[in-house]
């Protein structure tokens, strides 16, 4: 069975498993999940992805081989699927990601097609639309502080910076928070909206989990009322194939910075690696409310828990995409 993190029981289970795994890190062996070899095949992946995969495999004392797509030419869709199928053949599980920087949504559909056609266990580390593993790494520290996110107010906010990452983590944060029953507010300038189809999908799942998803105006009250604020500097999806225009578009929003007064009592997380005096004021970054430093550890725990969810006895999950 293939899952896209739309089942709240699976998401809750992954988050809860991290606690058990963290307690057993010193004694984890590959026998725990009966995994001896992991392969990865990543295309335009984030800077942390390969190292996180290696760290997780290190805790399991299992082998890890990271493969890359050819650089002499740009493979077409069928060639990518052939590469993925080849990499998946000789391992227990394949970590993969594919972010297409020329056509928005192509990587997502390719990752889903791979999960449908390759019969080996698969775990996606993200694409240009959704980065669920990254988002769970941000949610976990908040989840542990607040307990379940149901009926909690979560803000996903754009903030001024100059890196203009793909909105994949922000999309996944909105969606997963909705799956967990949170009331999600999205705060973003008109030039940096999140994808309408992602918001539509998130609103639908929120209706099934007694949560809500809405785009709101930027006011101090919206931040004040929040239990958790996630702030990211994502690129303009309207200028996806013209990334050089992001800098000029963003300059008019250079005052979009999270302040200590604005944050009030909310917990806070932002992009890794953290930058000072950009998305948030130094007082926010230095405060105990900033849990961003927990993200890397959380990412590794979430990946281990996701592997456990796939390999657990009687599990019906073959792929998490």
C-alpha atoms as a PDB file:
ATOM      1  CA  UNK A   1       0.000   0.000   0.000  1.00  0.00           C
ATOM      2  CA  UNK A   2       1.190   3.529  -0.815  1.00  0.00           C
ATOM      3  CA  UNK A   3       0.576   6.393   1.601  1.00  0.00           C
ATOM      4  CA  UNK A   4       0.886  10.148   1.120  1.00  0.00           C
ATOM      5  CA  UNK A   5       0.713  11.056   4.804  1.00  0.00           C
ATOM      6  CA  UNK A   6      -3.053  11.685   4.606  1.00  0.00           C
ATOM      7  CA  UNK A   7      -3.852   9.176   7.368  1.00  0.00           C
ATOM      8  CA  UNK A   8      -3.577  10.914  10.750  1.00  0.00           C
ATOM      9  CA  UNK A   9      -3.003   7.565  12.496  1.00  0.00           C
ATOM     10  CA  UNK A  10       0.126   6.950  10.417  1.00  0.00           C
ATOM     11  CA  UNK A  11       1.451  10.484  10.995  1.00  0.00           C
ATOM     12  CA  UNK A  12       0.737  10.287  14.751  1.00  0.00           C
ATOM     13  CA  UNK A  13       2.351   6.854  14.858  1.00  0.00           C
ATOM     14  CA  UNK A  14       5.550   8.101  13.201  1.00  0.00           C
ATOM     15  CA  UNK A  15       5.747  11.011  15.658  1.00  0.00           C
ATOM     16  CA  UNK A  16       5.143   8.736  18.653  1.00  0.00           C
ATOM     17  CA  UNK A  17       7.630   6.113  17.461  1.00  0.00           C
ATOM     18  CA  UNK A  18      10.411   8.711  17.552  1.00  0.00           C
ATOM     19  CA  UNK A  19      10.292   8.672  21.356  1.00  0.00           C
ATOM     20  CA  UNK A  20      10.764   4.915  21.541  1.00  0.00           C
ATOM     21  CA  UNK A  21      13.527   5.045  18.941  1.00  0.00           C
ATOM     22  CA  UNK A  22      15.335   7.875  20.733  1.00  0.00           C
ATOM     23  CA  UNK A  23      15.358   5.849  23.959  1.00  0.00           C
ATOM     24  CA  UNK A  24      16.864   2.889  22.124  1.00  0.00           C
ATOM     25  CA  UNK A  25      19.399   4.717  19.918  1.00  0.00           C
ATOM     26  CA  UNK A  26      22.393   3.242  21.705  1.00  0.00           C
ATOM     27  CA  UNK A  27      21.145  -0.306  21.235  1.00  0.00           C
ATOM     28  CA  UNK A  28      19.609  -0.050  17.754  1.00  0.00           C
ATOM     29  CA  UNK A  29      20.909  -2.652  15.332  1.00  0.00           C
ATOM     30  CA  UNK A  30      19.941  -3.584  11.825  1.00  0.00           C
ATOM     31  CA  UNK A  31      18.176  -6.633  13.287  1.00  0.00           C
ATOM     32  CA  UNK A  32      15.584  -4.239  14.730  1.00  0.00           C
ATOM     33  CA  UNK A  33      14.043  -3.746  11.291  1.00  0.00           C
ATOM     34  CA  UNK A  34      15.824  -6.541   9.412  1.00  0.00           C
ATOM     35  CA  UNK A  35      17.503  -3.997   7.117  1.00  0.00           C
ATOM     36  CA  UNK A  36      20.992  -4.711   5.818  1.00  0.00           C
ATOM     37  CA  UNK A  37      21.329  -2.285   2.884  1.00  0.00           C
ATOM     38  CA  UNK A  38      19.791   1.071   1.969  1.00  0.00           C
ATOM     39  CA  UNK A  39      20.200   2.844  -1.381  1.00  0.00           C
ATOM     40  CA  UNK A  40      19.421   6.463  -2.165  1.00  0.00           C
ATOM     41  CA  UNK A  41      18.907   8.203  -5.500  1.00  0.00           C
ATOM     42  CA  UNK A  42      18.457  11.947  -5.126  1.00  0.00           C
ATOM     43  CA  UNK A  43      17.984  14.714  -7.699  1.00  0.00           C
ATOM     44  CA  UNK A  44      18.135  18.397  -6.671  1.00  0.00           C
ATOM     45  CA  UNK A  45      17.771  17.331  -3.048  1.00  0.00           C
ATOM     46  CA  UNK A  46      18.381  19.660  -0.108  1.00  0.00           C
ATOM     47  CA  UNK A  47      21.887  19.948   1.309  1.00  0.00           C
ATOM     48  CA  UNK A  48      21.100  17.833   4.383  1.00  0.00           C
ATOM     49  CA  UNK A  49      19.293  14.900   2.759  1.00  0.00           C
ATOM     50  CA  UNK A  50      22.150  12.534   1.960  1.00  0.00           C
ATOM     51  CA  UNK A  51      23.852  13.104   5.327  1.00  0.00           C
ATOM     52  CA  UNK A  52      20.581  12.525   7.214  1.00  0.00           C
ATOM     53  CA  UNK A  53      20.099   9.238   5.357  1.00  0.00           C
ATOM     54  CA  UNK A  54      23.660   8.178   6.212  1.00  0.00           C
ATOM     55  CA  UNK A  55      23.151   9.075   9.885  1.00  0.00           C
ATOM     56  CA  UNK A  56      19.954   7.030  10.102  1.00  0.00           C
ATOM     57  CA  UNK A  57      21.692   4.040   8.540  1.00  0.00           C
ATOM     58  CA  UNK A  58      24.598   4.511  10.927  1.00  0.00           C
ATOM     59  CA  UNK A  59      22.260   4.089  13.896  1.00  0.00           C
ATOM     60  CA  UNK A  60      20.927   0.886  12.330  1.00  0.00           C
ATOM     61  CA  UNK A  61      24.446  -0.415  11.601  1.00  0.00           C
ATOM     62  CA  UNK A  62      23.356  -1.143   8.044  1.00  0.00           C
ATOM     63  CA  UNK A  63      25.025  -0.403   4.731  1.00  0.00           C
ATOM     64  CA  UNK A  64      24.254   2.769   2.795  1.00  0.00           C
ATOM     65  CA  UNK A  65      25.050   3.604  -0.827  1.00  0.00           C
ATOM     66  CA  UNK A  66      24.170   6.979  -2.279  1.00  0.00           C
ATOM     67  CA  UNK A  67      23.713   7.120  -6.052  1.00  0.00           C
ATOM     68  CA  UNK A  68      23.251  10.126  -8.305  1.00  0.00           C
ATOM     69  CA  UNK A  69      21.592  10.719 -11.639  1.00  0.00           C
ATOM     70  CA  UNK A  70      23.864  11.124 -14.688  1.00  0.00           C
ATOM     71  CA  UNK A  71      25.331  14.584 -15.197  1.00  0.00           C
ATOM     72  CA  UNK A  72      26.283  14.189 -18.883  1.00  0.00           C
ATOM     73  CA  UNK A  73      22.642  14.600 -19.923  1.00  0.00           C
ATOM     74  CA  UNK A  74      19.229  15.314 -18.424  1.00  0.00           C
ATOM     75  CA  UNK A  75      17.330  12.015 -18.214  1.00  0.00           C
ATOM     76  CA  UNK A  76      13.725  11.953 -19.376  1.00  0.00           C
ATOM     77  CA  UNK A  77      10.876  10.601 -17.265  1.00  0.00           C
ATOM     78  CA  UNK A  78      11.183   6.974 -18.360  1.00  0.00           C
ATOM     79  CA  UNK A  79      14.956   7.048 -17.894  1.00  0.00           C
ATOM     80  CA  UNK A  80      14.514   8.380 -14.346  1.00  0.00           C
ATOM     81  CA  UNK A  81      12.049   5.595 -13.547  1.00  0.00           C
ATOM     82  CA  UNK A  82      14.479   3.037 -14.983  1.00  0.00           C
ATOM     83  CA  UNK A  83      17.261   4.405 -12.756  1.00  0.00           C
ATOM     84  CA  UNK A  84      15.007   4.275  -9.683  1.00  0.00           C
ATOM     85  CA  UNK A  85      13.942   0.713 -10.468  1.00  0.00           C
ATOM     86  CA  UNK A  86      17.570  -0.328 -10.914  1.00  0.00           C
ATOM     87  CA  UNK A  87      18.652   1.281  -7.621  1.00  0.00           C
ATOM     88  CA  UNK A  88      15.748  -0.350  -5.759  1.00  0.00           C
ATOM     89  CA  UNK A  89      16.534  -3.889  -6.938  1.00  0.00           C
ATOM     90  CA  UNK A  90      19.447  -4.785  -4.694  1.00  0.00           C
ATOM     91  CA  UNK A  91      18.526  -3.036  -1.433  1.00  0.00           C
ATOM     92  CA  UNK A  92      15.982  -3.406   1.357  1.00  0.00           C
ATOM     93  CA  UNK A  93      14.615   0.120   0.918  1.00  0.00           C
ATOM     94  CA  UNK A  94      15.248   2.986  -1.507  1.00  0.00           C
ATOM     95  CA  UNK A  95      15.313   6.617  -0.373  1.00  0.00           C
ATOM     96  CA  UNK A  96      14.600   8.860  -3.332  1.00  0.00           C
ATOM     97  CA  UNK A  97      13.769  12.434  -4.212  1.00  0.00           C
ATOM     98  CA  UNK A  98      13.222  14.319  -7.439  1.00  0.00           C
ATOM     99  CA  UNK A  99      12.730  18.081  -7.631  1.00  0.00           C
ATOM    100  CA  UNK A 100      12.185  19.343 -11.154  1.00  0.00           C
ATOM    101  CA  UNK A 101      13.310  22.967 -11.485  1.00  0.00           C
ATOM    102  CA  UNK A 102      11.920  23.378 -14.994  1.00  0.00           C
ATOM    103  CA  UNK A 103       8.320  22.222 -14.565  1.00  0.00           C
ATOM    104  CA  UNK A 104       6.473  22.661 -11.281  1.00  0.00           C
ATOM    105  CA  UNK A 105       4.764  19.429 -10.258  1.00  0.00           C
ATOM    106  CA  UNK A 106       6.714  17.130 -12.562  1.00  0.00           C
ATOM    107  CA  UNK A 107       8.880  15.804  -9.739  1.00  0.00           C
ATOM    108  CA  UNK A 108       5.860  15.129  -7.547  1.00  0.00           C
ATOM    109  CA  UNK A 109       4.040  13.154 -10.218  1.00  0.00           C
ATOM    110  CA  UNK A 110       7.224  11.234 -11.010  1.00  0.00           C
ATOM    111  CA  UNK A 111       7.711  10.285  -7.342  1.00  0.00           C
ATOM    112  CA  UNK A 112       4.114   9.060  -7.160  1.00  0.00           C
ATOM    113  CA  UNK A 113       4.495   7.077 -10.393  1.00  0.00           C
ATOM    114  CA  UNK A 114       7.661   5.451  -9.057  1.00  0.00           C
ATOM    115  CA  UNK A 115       5.794   4.339  -5.942  1.00  0.00           C
ATOM    116  CA  UNK A 116       3.047   2.848  -8.110  1.00  0.00           C
ATOM    117  CA  UNK A 117       5.346   0.962 -10.479  1.00  0.00           C
ATOM    118  CA  UNK A 118       8.278  -0.147  -8.290  1.00  0.00           C
ATOM    119  CA  UNK A 119       7.344  -2.991  -5.965  1.00  0.00           C
ATOM    120  CA  UNK A 120      10.271  -2.556  -3.544  1.00  0.00           C
ATOM    121  CA  UNK A 121       9.905  -0.545  -0.301  1.00  0.00           C
ATOM    122  CA  UNK A 122      10.331   3.175  -1.044  1.00  0.00           C
ATOM    123  CA  UNK A 123      10.601   6.295   1.082  1.00  0.00           C
ATOM    124  CA  UNK A 124      10.499   9.694  -0.607  1.00  0.00           C
ATOM    125  CA  UNK A 125      12.676  12.427   0.877  1.00  0.00           C
ATOM    126  CA  UNK A 126      10.772  15.088  -1.056  1.00  0.00           C
ATOM    127  CA  UNK A 127      10.000  16.757  -4.355  1.00  0.00           C
ATOM    128  CA  UNK A 128       9.300  20.331  -5.459  1.00  0.00           C
ATOM    129  CA  UNK A 129       5.698  20.237  -4.135  1.00  0.00           C
ATOM    130  CA  UNK A 130       5.929  18.317  -0.844  1.00  0.00           C
ATOM    131  CA  UNK A 131       8.791  17.592   1.565  1.00  0.00           C
ATOM    132  CA  UNK A 132       6.980  15.549   4.210  1.00  0.00           C
ATOM    133  CA  UNK A 133      10.087  14.204   5.956  1.00  0.00           C
ATOM    134  CA  UNK A 134      11.491  17.717   6.354  1.00  0.00           C
ATOM    135  CA  UNK A 135       8.139  19.004   7.633  1.00  0.00           C
ATOM    136  CA  UNK A 136       7.830  16.194  10.177  1.00  0.00           C
ATOM    137  CA  UNK A 137      11.277  17.186  11.441  1.00  0.00           C
ATOM    138  CA  UNK A 138       9.853  20.634  12.206  1.00  0.00           C
ATOM    139  CA  UNK A 139       6.585  19.333  13.630  1.00  0.00           C
ATOM    140  CA  UNK A 140       8.150  16.820  16.034  1.00  0.00           C
ATOM    141  CA  UNK A 141       9.674  19.318  18.555  1.00  0.00           C
ATOM    142  CA  UNK A 142       6.397  21.295  18.563  1.00  0.00           C
ATOM    143  CA  UNK A 143       4.365  18.101  18.913  1.00  0.00           C
ATOM    144  CA  UNK A 144       6.414  17.060  21.925  1.00  0.00           C
ATOM    145  CA  UNK A 145       5.965  20.434  23.637  1.00  0.00           C
ATOM    146  CA  UNK A 146       2.263  20.901  22.882  1.00  0.00           C
ATOM    147  CA  UNK A 147       1.094  17.299  22.765  1.00  0.00           C
ATOM    148  CA  UNK A 148      -1.249  16.540  19.903  1.00  0.00           C
ATOM    149  CA  UNK A 149      -1.743  19.428  17.480  1.00  0.00           C
ATOM    150  CA  UNK A 150      -5.517  18.996  17.361  1.00  0.00           C
ATOM    151  CA  UNK A 151      -7.260  22.332  18.084  1.00  0.00           C
ATOM    152  CA  UNK A 152      -3.898  24.131  18.283  1.00  0.00           C
ATOM    153  CA  UNK A 153      -3.311  27.215  16.153  1.00  0.00           C
ATOM    154  CA  UNK A 154      -0.393  26.850  13.757  1.00  0.00           C
ATOM    155  CA  UNK A 155       0.918  29.738  11.643  1.00  0.00           C
ATOM    156  CA  UNK A 156       2.960  29.089   8.500  1.00  0.00           C
ATOM    157  CA  UNK A 157       4.477  32.428   7.548  1.00  0.00           C
ATOM    158  CA  UNK A 158       6.693  33.766   4.787  1.00  0.00           C
ATOM    159  CA  UNK A 159       9.634  35.809   6.052  1.00  0.00           C
ATOM    160  CA  UNK A 160      12.240  38.000   4.394  1.00  0.00           C
ATOM    161  CA  UNK A 161      15.505  36.327   3.429  1.00  0.00           C
ATOM    162  CA  UNK A 162      17.502  35.874   0.234  1.00  0.00           C
ATOM    163  CA  UNK A 163      17.607  32.098  -0.239  1.00  0.00           C
ATOM    164  CA  UNK A 164      14.140  31.546  -1.813  1.00  0.00           C
ATOM    165  CA  UNK A 165      13.783  27.822  -1.212  1.00  0.00           C
ATOM    166  CA  UNK A 166      11.077  25.823  -2.929  1.00  0.00           C
ATOM    167  CA  UNK A 167       7.862  25.897  -0.838  1.00  0.00           C
ATOM    168  CA  UNK A 168       7.859  22.096  -0.466  1.00  0.00           C
ATOM    169  CA  UNK A 169       8.412  22.129   3.305  1.00  0.00           C
ATOM    170  CA  UNK A 170       5.863  24.919   3.827  1.00  0.00           C
ATOM    171  CA  UNK A 171       3.308  23.000   1.731  1.00  0.00           C
ATOM    172  CA  UNK A 172       3.928  19.844   3.761  1.00  0.00           C
ATOM    173  CA  UNK A 173       3.673  21.741   7.061  1.00  0.00           C
ATOM    174  CA  UNK A 174       0.269  23.119   6.089  1.00  0.00           C
ATOM    175  CA  UNK A 175      -0.957  19.719   4.948  1.00  0.00           C
ATOM    176  CA  UNK A 176       0.383  17.684   7.888  1.00  0.00           C
ATOM    177  CA  UNK A 177      -0.856  20.214  10.452  1.00  0.00           C
ATOM    178  CA  UNK A 178      -4.296  19.915   8.840  1.00  0.00           C
ATOM    179  CA  UNK A 179      -4.063  16.107   8.946  1.00  0.00           C
ATOM    180  CA  UNK A 180      -3.340  16.361  12.687  1.00  0.00           C
ATOM    181  CA  UNK A 181      -6.397  18.561  13.267  1.00  0.00           C
ATOM    182  CA  UNK A 182      -4.709  21.932  13.794  1.00  0.00           C
ATOM    183  CA  UNK A 183      -6.178  25.290  12.812  1.00  0.00           C
ATOM    184  CA  UNK A 184      -3.670  26.522  10.237  1.00  0.00           C
ATOM    185  CA  UNK A 185      -3.200  30.158   9.221  1.00  0.00           C
ATOM    186  CA  UNK A 186      -1.027  30.991   6.218  1.00  0.00           C
ATOM    187  CA  UNK A 187       0.533  34.450   6.149  1.00  0.00           C
ATOM    188  CA  UNK A 188       2.296  35.428   2.935  1.00  0.00           C
ATOM    189  CA  UNK A 189       2.690  38.447   0.618  1.00  0.00           C
ATOM    190  CA  UNK A 190       0.599  38.436  -2.546  1.00  0.00           C
ATOM    191  CA  UNK A 191       3.741  37.825  -4.617  1.00  0.00           C
ATOM    192  CA  UNK A 192       4.664  34.704  -2.619  1.00  0.00           C
ATOM    193  CA  UNK A 193       1.501  32.599  -2.366  1.00  0.00           C
ATOM    194  CA  UNK A 194       1.455  28.881  -1.733  1.00  0.00           C
ATOM    195  CA  UNK A 195       0.015  26.704  -4.491  1.00  0.00           C
ATOM    196  CA  UNK A 196      -3.769  26.808  -4.738  1.00  0.00           C
ATOM    197  CA  UNK A 197      -3.998  23.075  -5.372  1.00  0.00           C
ATOM    198  CA  UNK A 198      -2.044  22.374  -2.184  1.00  0.00           C
ATOM    199  CA  UNK A 199      -4.328  24.667  -0.183  1.00  0.00           C
ATOM    200  CA  UNK A 200      -7.402  22.993  -1.686  1.00  0.00           C
ATOM    201  CA  UNK A 201      -6.074  19.561  -0.753  1.00  0.00           C
ATOM    202  CA  UNK A 202      -5.159  20.777   2.746  1.00  0.00           C
ATOM    203  CA  UNK A 203      -8.591  22.310   3.328  1.00  0.00           C
ATOM    204  CA  UNK A 204     -10.243  19.063   2.290  1.00  0.00           C
ATOM    205  CA  UNK A 205      -8.194  16.974   4.726  1.00  0.00           C
ATOM    206  CA  UNK A 206      -8.738  19.595   7.457  1.00  0.00           C
ATOM    207  CA  UNK A 207     -12.490  19.132   7.048  1.00  0.00           C
ATOM    208  CA  UNK A 208     -12.038  15.424   7.750  1.00  0.00           C
ATOM    209  CA  UNK A 209      -9.910  15.997  10.874  1.00  0.00           C
ATOM    210  CA  UNK A 210     -11.889  18.876  12.451  1.00  0.00           C
ATOM    211  CA  UNK A 211      -9.117  21.337  11.659  1.00  0.00           C
ATOM    212  CA  UNK A 212      -9.047  24.354   9.357  1.00  0.00           C
ATOM    213  CA  UNK A 213      -6.799  26.013   6.784  1.00  0.00           C
ATOM    214  CA  UNK A 214      -7.080  29.661   5.804  1.00  0.00           C
ATOM    215  CA  UNK A 215      -4.949  32.392   4.298  1.00  0.00           C
ATOM    216  CA  UNK A 216      -5.043  35.511   6.472  1.00  0.00           C
ATOM    217  CA  UNK A 217      -3.729  39.065   6.488  1.00  0.00           C
ATOM    218  CA  UNK A 218      -0.458  39.798   8.248  1.00  0.00           C
ATOM    219  CA  UNK A 219      -1.400  41.252  11.644  1.00  0.00           C
ATOM    220  CA  UNK A 220       0.194  40.973  15.071  1.00  0.00           C
ATOM    221  CA  UNK A 221      -2.964  39.306  16.383  1.00  0.00           C
ATOM    222  CA  UNK A 222      -2.548  36.362  14.010  1.00  0.00           C
ATOM    223  CA  UNK A 223       0.904  35.684  15.454  1.00  0.00           C
ATOM    224  CA  UNK A 224      -0.134  36.476  19.048  1.00  0.00           C
ATOM    225  CA  UNK A 225      -2.900  33.884  19.001  1.00  0.00           C
ATOM    226  CA  UNK A 226      -0.655  31.123  17.660  1.00  0.00           C
ATOM    227  CA  UNK A 227       0.628  28.124  19.570  1.00  0.00           C
ATOM    228  CA  UNK A 228       3.380  27.582  16.995  1.00  0.00           C
ATOM    229  CA  UNK A 229       4.853  29.729  14.226  1.00  0.00           C
ATOM    230  CA  UNK A 230       6.839  28.275  11.320  1.00  0.00           C
ATOM    231  CA  UNK A 231       8.579  30.975   9.261  1.00  0.00           C
ATOM    232  CA  UNK A 232      10.214  30.279   5.898  1.00  0.00           C
ATOM    233  CA  UNK A 233      11.541  32.234   2.937  1.00  0.00           C
ATOM    234  CA  UNK A 234      10.035  30.399  -0.026  1.00  0.00           C
ATOM    235  CA  UNK A 235      10.291  31.424  -3.652  1.00  0.00           C
ATOM    236  CA  UNK A 236       7.473  32.789  -5.787  1.00  0.00           C
ATOM    237  CA  UNK A 237       5.671  29.912  -7.491  1.00  0.00           C
ATOM    238  CA  UNK A 238       4.495  32.448 -10.079  1.00  0.00           C
ATOM    239  CA  UNK A 239       8.140  32.983 -11.073  1.00  0.00           C
ATOM    240  CA  UNK A 240       9.160  29.331 -10.868  1.00  0.00           C
ATOM    241  CA  UNK A 241      11.084  29.366 -14.149  1.00  0.00           C
ATOM    242  CA  UNK A 242      12.432  32.888 -13.544  1.00  0.00           C
ATOM    243  CA  UNK A 243      14.071  32.534 -10.105  1.00  0.00           C
ATOM    244  CA  UNK A 244      16.217  35.625 -10.665  1.00  0.00           C
ATOM    245  CA  UNK A 245      13.088  37.766 -10.152  1.00  0.00           C
ATOM    246  CA  UNK A 246      12.606  36.636  -6.539  1.00  0.00           C
ATOM    247  CA  UNK A 247      15.152  39.083  -5.160  1.00  0.00           C
ATOM    248  CA  UNK A 248      13.426  42.151  -6.607  1.00  0.00           C
ATOM    249  CA  UNK A 249       9.972  40.899  -5.631  1.00  0.00           C
ATOM    250  CA  UNK A 250      11.059  40.205  -2.060  1.00  0.00           C
ATOM    251  CA  UNK A 251      12.795  43.546  -1.526  1.00  0.00           C
ATOM    252  CA  UNK A 252       9.473  45.331  -1.045  1.00  0.00           C
ATOM    253  CA  UNK A 253       8.710  42.918   1.822  1.00  0.00           C
ATOM    254  CA  UNK A 254      12.013  43.313   3.658  1.00  0.00           C
ATOM    255  CA  UNK A 255      10.106  44.336   6.810  1.00  0.00           C
ATOM    256  CA  UNK A 256       8.540  40.859   6.992  1.00  0.00           C
ATOM    257  CA  UNK A 257      10.506  39.809  10.043  1.00  0.00           C
ATOM    258  CA  UNK A 258       9.212  37.983  13.124  1.00  0.00           C
ATOM    259  CA  UNK A 259       9.761  40.065  16.261  1.00  0.00           C
ATOM    260  CA  UNK A 260       9.727  38.973  19.908  1.00  0.00           C
ATOM    261  CA  UNK A 261       6.654  41.120  20.575  1.00  0.00           C
ATOM    262  CA  UNK A 262       4.927  39.685  17.535  1.00  0.00           C
ATOM    263  CA  UNK A 263       5.680  36.117  18.581  1.00  0.00           C
ATOM    264  CA  UNK A 264       4.302  36.520  22.107  1.00  0.00           C
ATOM    265  CA  UNK A 265       4.146  33.037  23.727  1.00  0.00           C
ATOM    266  CA  UNK A 266       4.222  30.917  20.576  1.00  0.00           C
ATOM    267  CA  UNK A 267       6.867  28.309  19.872  1.00  0.00           C
ATOM    268  CA  UNK A 268       8.978  29.120  16.817  1.00  0.00           C
ATOM    269  CA  UNK A 269      10.891  27.291  14.103  1.00  0.00           C
ATOM    270  CA  UNK A 270      12.547  28.475  10.912  1.00  0.00           C
ATOM    271  CA  UNK A 271      14.716  27.162   8.082  1.00  0.00           C
ATOM    272  CA  UNK A 272      17.962  25.326   8.592  1.00  0.00           C
ATOM    273  CA  UNK A 273      20.688  26.477   8.457  1.00  0.00           C
ATOM    274  CA  UNK A 274      19.536  29.349  10.661  1.00  0.00           C
ATOM    275  CA  UNK A 275      20.438  32.895   9.663  1.00  0.00           C
ATOM    276  CA  UNK A 276      20.567  35.823  12.058  1.00  0.00           C
ATOM    277  CA  UNK A 277      18.625  39.060  11.531  1.00  0.00           C
ATOM    278  CA  UNK A 278      16.761  37.827   8.478  1.00  0.00           C
ATOM    279  CA  UNK A 279      13.433  35.974   8.891  1.00  0.00           C
ATOM    280  CA  UNK A 280      13.358  36.687  12.624  1.00  0.00           C
ATOM    281  CA  UNK A 281      14.943  39.208  14.973  1.00  0.00           C
ATOM    282  CA  UNK A 282      17.966  38.148  17.009  1.00  0.00           C
ATOM    283  CA  UNK A 283      15.848  38.171  20.189  1.00  0.00           C
ATOM    284  CA  UNK A 284      13.591  35.501  18.682  1.00  0.00           C
ATOM    285  CA  UNK A 285      16.487  33.395  17.445  1.00  0.00           C
ATOM    286  CA  UNK A 286      18.149  33.509  20.873  1.00  0.00           C
ATOM    287  CA  UNK A 287      14.963  32.791  22.826  1.00  0.00           C
ATOM    288  CA  UNK A 288      13.947  29.480  24.400  1.00  0.00           C
ATOM    289  CA  UNK A 289      10.876  29.531  22.135  1.00  0.00           C
ATOM    290  CA  UNK A 290      13.104  28.882  19.107  1.00  0.00           C
ATOM    291  CA  UNK A 291      13.239  25.101  18.677  1.00  0.00           C
ATOM    292  CA  UNK A 292      14.964  25.116  15.282  1.00  0.00           C
ATOM    293  CA  UNK A 293      18.157  23.600  16.702  1.00  0.00           C
ATOM    294  CA  UNK A 294      16.184  20.380  17.326  1.00  0.00           C
ATOM    295  CA  UNK A 295      15.354  19.954  13.634  1.00  0.00           C
ATOM    296  CA  UNK A 296      18.366  17.885  12.580  1.00  0.00           C
ATOM    297  CA  UNK A 297      17.971  15.356  15.390  1.00  0.00           C
ATOM    298  CA  UNK A 298      14.237  15.255  14.705  1.00  0.00           C
ATOM    299  CA  UNK A 299      14.817  14.591  10.992  1.00  0.00           C
ATOM    300  CA  UNK A 300      16.924  11.536  11.776  1.00  0.00           C
ATOM    301  CA  UNK A 301      14.398  10.239  14.318  1.00  0.00           C
ATOM    302  CA  UNK A 302      11.506  10.798  11.904  1.00  0.00           C
ATOM    303  CA  UNK A 303      13.352   8.926   9.147  1.00  0.00           C
ATOM    304  CA  UNK A 304      14.050   5.996  11.481  1.00  0.00           C
ATOM    305  CA  UNK A 305      10.422   5.970  12.630  1.00  0.00           C
ATOM    306  CA  UNK A 306       9.205   6.060   9.019  1.00  0.00           C
ATOM    307  CA  UNK A 307      11.414   3.090   8.170  1.00  0.00           C
ATOM    308  CA  UNK A 308      10.033   1.274  11.195  1.00  0.00           C
ATOM    309  CA  UNK A 309       6.472   2.011  10.044  1.00  0.00           C
ATOM    310  CA  UNK A 310       7.255   0.336   6.711  1.00  0.00           C
ATOM    311  CA  UNK A 311       9.141  -2.683   8.070  1.00  0.00           C
ATOM    312  CA  UNK A 312       7.107  -3.396  11.176  1.00  0.00           C
ATOM    313  CA  UNK A 313       5.551  -6.866  11.348  1.00  0.00           C
ATOM    314  CA  UNK A 314       2.184  -6.934   9.565  1.00  0.00           C
ATOM    315  CA  UNK A 315       2.687  -3.419   8.172  1.00  0.00           C
ATOM    316  CA  UNK A 316       0.589  -2.709   5.079  1.00  0.00           C
ATOM    317  CA  UNK A 317       2.777   0.245   4.056  1.00  0.00           C
ATOM    318  CA  UNK A 318       5.164  -0.326   1.147  1.00  0.00           C
ATOM    319  CA  UNK A 319       5.899   3.281   0.239  1.00  0.00           C
ATOM    320  CA  UNK A 320       5.684   6.684   1.918  1.00  0.00           C
ATOM    321  CA  UNK A 321       5.579   9.458  -0.674  1.00  0.00           C
END
